[in-house]
Amino acid sequence: MSSETTGEEEALEAYVGKLNGNVWGISLALVLALVLFAATNILLLKGGENVGQHLEILAQYFPGYSMTFVGSLIGAAWIALVGYILARIACGIYNIAAR
C-alpha cells in the first residue's frame, strides 16, 4: 500500500474533522429546553413555599418566563434559542481553529 492518501480519503478526513454547527445547535437547544421545562414543572408539581425561587431569577434574562406551565414553555423556547446560538458559535470557533 502507498503512504500517499487518495483524494477520497482526504475529502473524508476533511469532512469528519469539521463539526456541523446546525446539528450541534439543535442538539444543545433541545437538551437545554427539556431540562428547563422539566425542572420548572417538577418544582410546580412538588409545590410548597417559594416554589422555584432560584429558577425565577431566569425571568430577568428570559422575558415571559415564570414558574407556571406556560412560563416553562416560554423559558424553554428562550433557552433553546440561546443554546442554539452558543453551539453554533462554539462550532464555528472550533472549525476555524481546526483548519
Protein backbone atom coordinates (compact mmCIF):
# COMPACT_ATOMS: atom_id res chain seq x y z
CA MET A 1 0.00 0.00 0.00
CA SER A 2 1.12 3.50 -0.75
CA SER A 3 1.72 6.01 2.06
CA GLU A 4 0.04 8.69 -0.02
CA THR A 5 -3.68 9.24 0.53
CA THR A 6 -6.16 9.37 -2.28
CA GLY A 7 -8.46 12.29 -2.97
CA GLU A 8 -11.40 10.43 -1.47
CA GLU A 9 -9.54 9.79 1.78
CA GLU A 10 -8.53 13.43 2.05
CA ALA A 11 -12.10 14.55 1.45
CA LEU A 12 -13.34 12.13 4.11
CA GLU A 13 -10.77 13.35 6.64
CA ALA A 14 -11.72 16.98 5.93
CA TYR A 15 -15.43 16.22 6.35
CA VAL A 16 -15.07 14.18 9.54
CA GLY A 17 -12.83 16.78 11.18
CA LYS A 18 -15.39 19.55 10.73
CA LEU A 19 -18.23 19.97 13.22
CA ASN A 20 -21.73 20.57 11.90
CA GLY A 21 -22.90 23.67 13.75
CA ASN A 22 -26.54 23.15 12.84
CA VAL A 23 -26.66 19.65 14.36
CA TRP A 24 -24.81 20.73 17.49
CA GLY A 25 -27.08 23.77 17.81
CA ILE A 26 -30.28 21.79 17.55
CA SER A 27 -28.98 19.14 19.96
CA LEU A 28 -27.96 21.62 22.63
CA ALA A 29 -31.16 23.61 22.16
CA LEU A 30 -33.31 20.52 22.70
CA VAL A 31 -31.37 19.35 25.75
CA LEU A 32 -31.44 22.74 27.47
CA ALA A 33 -35.11 23.29 26.67
CA LEU A 34 -36.05 19.88 28.04
CA VAL A 35 -34.05 20.41 31.23
CA LEU A 36 -35.60 23.81 31.97
CA PHE A 37 -39.10 22.61 31.10
CA ALA A 38 -38.72 19.52 33.31
CA ALA A 39 -37.13 21.39 36.21
CA THR A 40 -39.86 24.03 36.24
CA ASN A 41 -42.72 21.56 36.05
CA ILE A 42 -41.26 19.14 38.59
CA LEU A 43 -40.98 22.01 41.07
CA LEU A 44 -44.54 23.07 40.26
CA LEU A 45 -45.84 19.58 40.93
CA LYS A 46 -43.80 19.34 44.11
CA GLY A 47 -45.33 22.57 45.42
CA GLY A 48 -44.53 24.18 48.75
CA GLU A 49 -43.36 27.61 49.82
CA ASN A 50 -41.29 29.68 47.42
CA VAL A 51 -41.62 27.21 44.57
CA GLY A 52 -38.61 27.60 42.31
CA GLN A 53 -37.29 30.77 43.88
CA HIS A 54 -33.91 30.24 42.22
CA LEU A 55 -35.37 29.48 38.81
CA GLU A 56 -37.45 32.65 38.95
CA ILE A 57 -34.21 34.60 38.55
CA LEU A 58 -34.22 33.43 34.91
CA ALA A 59 -37.15 35.77 34.30
CA GLN A 60 -34.62 38.61 34.37
CA TYR A 61 -32.87 37.10 31.35
CA PHE A 62 -35.81 35.43 29.57
CA PRO A 63 -38.84 37.73 29.27
CA GLY A 64 -42.06 35.83 29.87
CA TYR A 65 -40.51 33.02 31.91
CA SER A 66 -42.30 32.32 35.17
CA MET A 67 -42.95 29.42 37.50
CA THR A 68 -46.07 28.34 35.60
CA PHE A 69 -46.67 25.77 32.88
CA VAL A 70 -46.96 28.47 30.21
CA GLY A 71 -43.88 30.18 31.66
CA SER A 72 -41.95 26.93 31.35
CA LEU A 73 -42.81 26.77 27.65
CA ILE A 74 -41.67 30.35 27.13
CA GLY A 75 -38.48 29.73 29.09
CA ALA A 76 -37.80 26.56 27.14
CA ALA A 77 -38.11 28.49 23.88
CA TRP A 78 -35.74 31.20 25.09
CA ILE A 79 -33.11 28.81 26.41
CA ALA A 80 -33.34 26.75 23.22
CA LEU A 81 -32.56 29.87 21.20
CA VAL A 82 -29.61 30.75 23.43
CA GLY A 83 -28.31 27.17 23.35
CA TYR A 84 -28.54 27.04 19.56
CA ILE A 85 -26.62 30.29 19.16
CA LEU A 86 -23.93 29.28 21.65
CA ALA A 87 -23.42 25.89 19.99
CA ARG A 88 -23.16 27.50 16.53
CA ILE A 89 -20.55 29.94 17.84
CA ALA A 90 -18.57 27.17 19.56
CA CYS A 91 -18.60 25.01 16.41
CA GLY A 92 -17.56 27.96 14.28
CA ILE A 93 -14.61 28.67 16.56
CA TYR A 94 -13.63 25.00 16.59
CA ASN A 95 -13.85 24.70 12.81
CA ILE A 96 -11.68 27.79 12.33
CA ALA A 97 -9.12 26.52 14.84
CA ALA A 98 -9.14 23.02 13.31
CA ARG A 99 -8.11 24.35 9.89
